[in-house]
Amino acid sequence: MTQKKYTIQNTPFVVPTTDGKVIKEHFGLATDGNSQISIAHMKAPAGWSEPFQTPEFDEYTFIISGKKQFIIENETIILEAGQSIKIKKNTRVQYSNPFTEVCEYIAICTPAFSINLAKRDH
C-alpha cells in the first residue's frame, strides 16, 4: 500500500483564547507536530490587540477581509483585504484591530509558531 502524498486538513486545531480572537491552526506544532511551518486561519474581533512581541520566526500575513494594524519597531502600518506582509524574525511588532469590523486573515510562520518563540512582552 502506498502512502498518500497529500494531507487534507478538515479539523484544524482551535487554539484556546481569552480575547475573542479565533485561531484555527491547519498545520503546525499543535496540529501535526510540524516545527518548520505553521499555517493558521485567524479572525480578530473589532478592538482586539495583543502585547508587543519579538518573535523568533518570520511571519507572513494575508488579509482576507477587514483591516489589521501592525506597529513594527516604531512604524504603524495598516493592511486591508488583498494585501500581505512579511515580518522578519527578531523584529519587535504589535498586532491589533482597532477598527470596527472583524479582520479575517491567514498567518504563516517559519519556523512554526510557538508561544515560547513569540517572545511576548509582559
N, C-alpha and C. Protein backbone atom coordinates (compact mmCIF):
# COMPACT_ATOMS: atom_id res chain seq x y z
N MET A 1 0.84 -1.19 0.00
CA MET A 1 0.00 0.00 0.00
C MET A 1 0.89 1.26 0.00
N THR A 2 0.63 2.15 -0.90
CA THR A 2 1.44 3.37 -0.97
C THR A 2 0.86 4.43 -0.03
N GLN A 3 1.76 5.22 0.49
CA GLN A 3 1.37 6.30 1.39
C GLN A 3 0.88 7.49 0.58
N LYS A 4 -0.17 8.16 1.07
CA LYS A 4 -0.68 9.36 0.39
C LYS A 4 0.39 10.43 0.37
N LYS A 5 0.40 11.18 -0.72
CA LYS A 5 1.38 12.25 -0.88
C LYS A 5 0.75 13.61 -0.59
N TYR A 6 -0.39 13.60 0.10
CA TYR A 6 -1.05 14.85 0.47
C TYR A 6 -1.82 14.65 1.76
N THR A 7 -2.13 15.75 2.41
CA THR A 7 -2.93 15.72 3.63
C THR A 7 -3.99 16.80 3.50
N ILE A 8 -5.23 16.43 3.63
CA ILE A 8 -6.33 17.40 3.66
C ILE A 8 -6.67 17.66 5.13
N GLN A 9 -6.71 18.93 5.49
CA GLN A 9 -6.98 19.28 6.89
C GLN A 9 -8.44 19.72 7.03
N ASN A 10 -9.26 18.87 7.60
CA ASN A 10 -10.66 19.18 7.85
C ASN A 10 -10.94 19.53 9.30
N THR A 11 -9.98 19.26 10.17
CA THR A 11 -10.19 19.50 11.60
C THR A 11 -8.99 20.25 12.18
N PRO A 12 -8.86 21.54 11.84
CA PRO A 12 -7.74 22.31 12.39
C PRO A 12 -7.84 22.39 13.92
N PHE A 13 -6.69 22.61 14.54
CA PHE A 13 -6.65 22.80 16.00
C PHE A 13 -7.14 24.20 16.32
N VAL A 14 -8.16 24.30 17.17
CA VAL A 14 -8.67 25.60 17.59
C VAL A 14 -7.93 26.00 18.86
N VAL A 15 -7.14 27.04 18.74
CA VAL A 15 -6.31 27.49 19.87
C VAL A 15 -7.21 28.20 20.88
N PRO A 16 -7.15 27.78 22.15
CA PRO A 16 -7.97 28.47 23.15
C PRO A 16 -7.47 29.90 23.38
N THR A 17 -8.39 30.86 23.39
CA THR A 17 -8.03 32.26 23.62
C THR A 17 -8.98 32.87 24.64
N THR A 18 -8.59 34.00 25.20
CA THR A 18 -9.43 34.70 26.16
C THR A 18 -9.77 36.11 25.67
N ASP A 19 -9.34 36.45 24.44
CA ASP A 19 -9.51 37.82 23.94
C ASP A 19 -10.47 37.93 22.76
N GLY A 20 -11.23 36.86 22.50
CA GLY A 20 -12.20 36.89 21.41
C GLY A 20 -11.64 36.54 20.05
N LYS A 21 -10.33 36.39 19.95
CA LYS A 21 -9.71 36.04 18.67
C LYS A 21 -9.92 34.56 18.39
N VAL A 22 -10.24 34.24 17.14
CA VAL A 22 -10.41 32.85 16.72
C VAL A 22 -9.17 32.43 15.94
N ILE A 23 -8.51 31.39 16.41
CA ILE A 23 -7.30 30.88 15.77
C ILE A 23 -7.51 29.42 15.44
N LYS A 24 -7.46 29.09 14.15
CA LYS A 24 -7.58 27.71 13.71
C LYS A 24 -6.28 27.34 12.98
N GLU A 25 -5.44 26.56 13.68
CA GLU A 25 -4.18 26.14 13.07
C GLU A 25 -4.43 24.93 12.19
N HIS A 26 -4.14 25.08 10.89
CA HIS A 26 -4.33 23.98 9.94
C HIS A 26 -3.13 23.06 9.89
N PHE A 27 -1.94 23.63 9.96
CA PHE A 27 -0.70 22.85 10.00
C PHE A 27 0.24 23.55 10.95
N GLY A 28 1.00 22.79 11.73
CA GLY A 28 1.94 23.37 12.68
C GLY A 28 2.13 22.47 13.88
N LEU A 29 2.78 23.02 14.90
CA LEU A 29 3.12 22.23 16.09
C LEU A 29 1.89 21.63 16.76
N ALA A 30 0.85 22.42 16.95
CA ALA A 30 -0.33 21.95 17.69
C ALA A 30 -1.14 20.93 16.89
N THR A 31 -1.10 21.03 15.55
CA THR A 31 -1.95 20.18 14.71
C THR A 31 -1.27 18.89 14.30
N ASP A 32 -0.11 19.01 13.68
CA ASP A 32 0.54 17.80 13.16
C ASP A 32 2.00 17.68 13.57
N GLY A 33 2.42 18.49 14.55
CA GLY A 33 3.78 18.39 15.07
C GLY A 33 4.85 18.99 14.18
N ASN A 34 4.44 19.70 13.13
CA ASN A 34 5.41 20.28 12.20
C ASN A 34 6.07 21.50 12.84
N SER A 35 7.37 21.46 13.04
CA SER A 35 8.07 22.59 13.66
C SER A 35 8.64 23.56 12.62
N GLN A 36 8.54 23.21 11.33
CA GLN A 36 9.12 24.03 10.27
C GLN A 36 8.22 25.17 9.83
N ILE A 37 6.89 24.96 9.85
CA ILE A 37 5.95 25.95 9.35
C ILE A 37 4.62 25.79 10.08
N SER A 38 3.94 26.89 10.28
CA SER A 38 2.57 26.83 10.77
C SER A 38 1.71 27.71 9.88
N ILE A 39 0.50 27.23 9.63
CA ILE A 39 -0.47 27.96 8.81
C ILE A 39 -1.77 28.02 9.61
N ALA A 40 -2.25 29.24 9.86
CA ALA A 40 -3.45 29.42 10.67
C ALA A 40 -4.40 30.40 10.02
N HIS A 41 -5.69 30.11 10.20
CA HIS A 41 -6.78 30.98 9.77
C HIS A 41 -7.24 31.73 11.02
N MET A 42 -7.21 33.05 10.96
CA MET A 42 -7.49 33.88 12.13
C MET A 42 -8.66 34.82 11.89
N LYS A 43 -9.35 35.13 12.98
CA LYS A 43 -10.37 36.19 12.98
C LYS A 43 -10.16 37.01 14.24
N ALA A 44 -9.75 38.27 14.03
CA ALA A 44 -9.51 39.18 15.15
C ALA A 44 -10.70 40.13 15.27
N PRO A 45 -11.38 40.12 16.43
CA PRO A 45 -12.55 40.97 16.58
C PRO A 45 -12.20 42.45 16.60
N ALA A 46 -13.19 43.29 16.34
CA ALA A 46 -13.00 44.73 16.45
C ALA A 46 -12.51 45.07 17.85
N GLY A 47 -11.52 45.94 17.94
CA GLY A 47 -10.99 46.37 19.23
C GLY A 47 -9.93 45.45 19.82
N TRP A 48 -9.59 44.38 19.13
CA TRP A 48 -8.61 43.41 19.64
C TRP A 48 -7.19 43.95 19.53
N SER A 49 -6.35 43.59 20.49
CA SER A 49 -4.91 43.84 20.38
C SER A 49 -4.18 42.84 21.27
N GLU A 50 -2.90 42.67 21.00
CA GLU A 50 -2.08 41.82 21.86
C GLU A 50 -0.79 42.56 22.18
N PRO A 51 -0.03 42.08 23.17
CA PRO A 51 1.20 42.79 23.57
C PRO A 51 2.24 42.79 22.45
N PHE A 52 3.17 43.72 22.56
CA PHE A 52 4.33 43.70 21.65
C PHE A 52 5.05 42.37 21.82
N GLN A 53 5.68 41.92 20.75
CA GLN A 53 6.48 40.70 20.78
C GLN A 53 7.67 40.86 19.85
N THR A 54 8.67 40.03 20.05
CA THR A 54 9.85 40.00 19.19
C THR A 54 10.08 38.53 18.83
N PRO A 55 9.27 37.99 17.90
CA PRO A 55 9.29 36.55 17.64
C PRO A 55 10.56 36.05 16.96
N GLU A 56 10.85 34.79 17.22
CA GLU A 56 12.00 34.12 16.60
C GLU A 56 11.55 33.32 15.39
N PHE A 57 10.60 33.87 14.64
CA PHE A 57 10.14 33.27 13.38
C PHE A 57 9.74 34.39 12.43
N ASP A 58 9.85 34.11 11.13
CA ASP A 58 9.30 35.02 10.12
C ASP A 58 7.79 34.82 10.13
N GLU A 59 7.04 35.90 10.01
CA GLU A 59 5.58 35.77 9.96
C GLU A 59 5.04 36.48 8.72
N TYR A 60 4.27 35.72 7.95
CA TYR A 60 3.60 36.23 6.76
C TYR A 60 2.12 36.35 7.09
N THR A 61 1.52 37.48 6.72
CA THR A 61 0.09 37.68 6.97
C THR A 61 -0.58 38.09 5.67
N PHE A 62 -1.69 37.42 5.35
CA PHE A 62 -2.51 37.78 4.19
C PHE A 62 -3.90 38.14 4.70
N ILE A 63 -4.34 39.36 4.40
CA ILE A 63 -5.64 39.84 4.88
C ILE A 63 -6.74 39.40 3.91
N ILE A 64 -7.71 38.66 4.43
CA ILE A 64 -8.86 38.20 3.63
C ILE A 64 -9.95 39.26 3.64
N SER A 65 -10.28 39.79 4.82
CA SER A 65 -11.30 40.85 4.91
C SER A 65 -11.01 41.70 6.14
N GLY A 66 -11.52 42.92 6.12
CA GLY A 66 -11.28 43.86 7.21
C GLY A 66 -9.91 44.50 7.09
N LYS A 67 -9.44 45.05 8.22
CA LYS A 67 -8.14 45.71 8.28
C LYS A 67 -7.41 45.26 9.54
N LYS A 68 -6.08 45.29 9.48
CA LYS A 68 -5.26 44.93 10.63
C LYS A 68 -4.14 45.94 10.76
N GLN A 69 -3.87 46.33 12.00
CA GLN A 69 -2.80 47.30 12.27
C GLN A 69 -1.57 46.57 12.80
N PHE A 70 -0.43 47.00 12.29
CA PHE A 70 0.87 46.48 12.71
C PHE A 70 1.70 47.66 13.19
N ILE A 71 2.27 47.57 14.38
CA ILE A 71 3.28 48.54 14.79
C ILE A 71 4.60 47.77 14.75
N ILE A 72 5.43 48.12 13.77
CA ILE A 72 6.68 47.41 13.53
C ILE A 72 7.82 48.36 13.89
N GLU A 73 8.57 47.96 14.94
CA GLU A 73 9.55 48.85 15.54
C GLU A 73 8.77 50.12 15.94
N ASN A 74 8.94 51.25 15.26
CA ASN A 74 8.19 52.46 15.62
C ASN A 74 7.28 52.94 14.50
N GLU A 75 7.02 52.07 13.52
CA GLU A 75 6.22 52.46 12.36
C GLU A 75 4.86 51.76 12.39
N THR A 76 3.79 52.53 12.18
CA THR A 76 2.43 51.98 12.15
C THR A 76 2.02 51.73 10.71
N ILE A 77 1.58 50.51 10.43
CA ILE A 77 1.17 50.10 9.09
C ILE A 77 -0.23 49.49 9.20
N ILE A 78 -1.10 49.85 8.26
CA ILE A 78 -2.44 49.27 8.22
C ILE A 78 -2.60 48.54 6.90
N LEU A 79 -2.97 47.27 6.98
CA LEU A 79 -3.22 46.48 5.77
C LEU A 79 -4.72 46.22 5.63
N GLU A 80 -5.16 46.14 4.38
CA GLU A 80 -6.56 45.87 4.06
C GLU A 80 -6.67 44.60 3.24
N ALA A 81 -7.89 44.17 3.01
CA ALA A 81 -8.17 42.94 2.25
C ALA A 81 -7.36 42.90 0.96
N GLY A 82 -6.73 41.75 0.70
CA GLY A 82 -5.95 41.55 -0.52
C GLY A 82 -4.49 41.90 -0.36
N GLN A 83 -4.11 42.54 0.76
CA GLN A 83 -2.71 42.88 0.97
C GLN A 83 -2.04 41.83 1.86
N SER A 84 -0.72 41.76 1.76
CA SER A 84 0.04 40.84 2.60
C SER A 84 1.33 41.49 3.04
N ILE A 85 1.96 40.88 4.05
CA ILE A 85 3.20 41.42 4.60
C ILE A 85 4.05 40.27 5.12
N LYS A 86 5.36 40.44 5.06
CA LYS A 86 6.30 39.53 5.71
C LYS A 86 7.04 40.35 6.76
N ILE A 87 7.04 39.85 7.98
CA ILE A 87 7.79 40.50 9.06
C ILE A 87 8.90 39.54 9.47
N LYS A 88 10.13 39.99 9.34
CA LYS A 88 11.29 39.14 9.62
C LYS A 88 11.41 38.84 11.11
N LYS A 89 11.95 37.66 11.41
CA LYS A 89 12.15 37.27 12.81
C LYS A 89 13.03 38.28 13.52
N ASN A 90 12.89 38.32 14.83
CA ASN A 90 13.63 39.23 15.71
C ASN A 90 13.30 40.70 15.44
N THR A 91 12.07 40.94 14.96
CA THR A 91 11.57 42.30 14.76
C THR A 91 10.48 42.55 15.80
N ARG A 92 10.56 43.67 16.51
CA ARG A 92 9.55 43.99 17.53
C ARG A 92 8.28 44.46 16.82
N VAL A 93 7.15 43.80 17.17
CA VAL A 93 5.90 44.07 16.48
C VAL A 93 4.71 43.94 17.44
N GLN A 94 3.68 44.75 17.17
CA GLN A 94 2.40 44.58 17.87
C GLN A 94 1.31 44.46 16.81
N TYR A 95 0.44 43.48 17.01
CA TYR A 95 -0.69 43.25 16.13
C TYR A 95 -1.95 43.73 16.81
N SER A 96 -2.85 44.39 16.04
CA SER A 96 -4.11 44.83 16.63
C SER A 96 -5.16 45.06 15.54
N ASN A 97 -6.40 45.15 15.99
CA ASN A 97 -7.52 45.51 15.12
C ASN A 97 -8.31 46.60 15.84
N PRO A 98 -7.86 47.86 15.73
CA PRO A 98 -8.57 48.95 16.40
C PRO A 98 -9.78 49.44 15.60
N PHE A 99 -10.17 48.69 14.60
CA PHE A 99 -11.24 49.10 13.69
C PHE A 99 -12.59 48.53 14.13
N THR A 100 -13.63 48.79 13.35
CA THR A 100 -14.99 48.45 13.77
C THR A 100 -15.50 47.13 13.21
N GLU A 101 -14.72 46.47 12.35
CA GLU A 101 -15.16 45.18 11.80
C GLU A 101 -14.11 44.11 12.07
N VAL A 102 -14.55 42.86 12.04
CA VAL A 102 -13.65 41.73 12.23
C VAL A 102 -12.60 41.72 11.12
N CYS A 103 -11.38 41.37 11.46
CA CYS A 103 -10.32 41.18 10.47
C CYS A 103 -10.07 39.68 10.33
N GLU A 104 -10.26 39.17 9.12
CA GLU A 104 -10.00 37.76 8.84
C GLU A 104 -8.73 37.67 8.02
N TYR A 105 -7.83 36.77 8.44
CA TYR A 105 -6.54 36.68 7.76
C TYR A 105 -5.92 35.30 7.92
N ILE A 106 -4.90 35.06 7.12
CA ILE A 106 -4.10 33.86 7.19
C ILE A 106 -2.72 34.27 7.71
N ALA A 107 -2.20 33.51 8.69
CA ALA A 107 -0.85 33.75 9.20
C ALA A 107 -0.01 32.50 8.96
N ILE A 108 1.18 32.72 8.43
CA ILE A 108 2.12 31.63 8.18
C ILE A 108 3.42 31.99 8.89
N CYS A 109 3.91 31.07 9.73
CA CYS A 109 5.14 31.31 10.47
C CYS A 109 6.17 30.26 10.12
N THR A 110 7.42 30.71 9.90
CA THR A 110 8.54 29.80 9.68
C THR A 110 9.72 30.21 10.56
N PRO A 111 10.21 29.37 11.46
CA PRO A 111 9.64 28.08 11.81
C PRO A 111 8.25 28.24 12.42
N ALA A 112 7.62 27.13 12.75
CA ALA A 112 6.24 27.15 13.23
C ALA A 112 6.07 28.02 14.47
N PHE A 113 4.88 28.62 14.59
CA PHE A 113 4.54 29.40 15.77
C PHE A 113 4.60 28.53 17.02
N SER A 114 5.19 29.07 18.06
CA SER A 114 5.04 28.51 19.41
C SER A 114 5.06 29.71 20.36
N ILE A 115 4.35 29.59 21.46
CA ILE A 115 4.28 30.70 22.40
C ILE A 115 5.66 31.04 22.94
N ASN A 116 6.54 30.05 23.07
CA ASN A 116 7.90 30.31 23.54
C ASN A 116 8.72 31.12 22.55
N LEU A 117 8.52 30.86 21.26
CA LEU A 117 9.25 31.61 20.22
C LEU A 117 8.66 32.99 19.97
N ALA A 118 7.42 33.23 20.41
CA ALA A 118 6.77 34.52 20.16
C ALA A 118 7.44 35.65 20.95
N LYS A 119 7.99 35.34 22.11
CA LYS A 119 8.71 36.33 22.92
C LYS A 119 7.86 37.57 23.18
N ARG A 120 6.67 37.37 23.75
CA ARG A 120 5.77 38.49 24.03
C ARG A 120 6.23 39.29 25.25
N ASP A 121 6.04 40.62 25.17
CA ASP A 121 6.31 41.48 26.32
C ASP A 121 5.26 41.17 27.40
N HIS A 122 5.66 41.37 28.64
CA HIS A 122 4.71 41.11 29.74
C HIS A 122 4.14 42.39 30.29
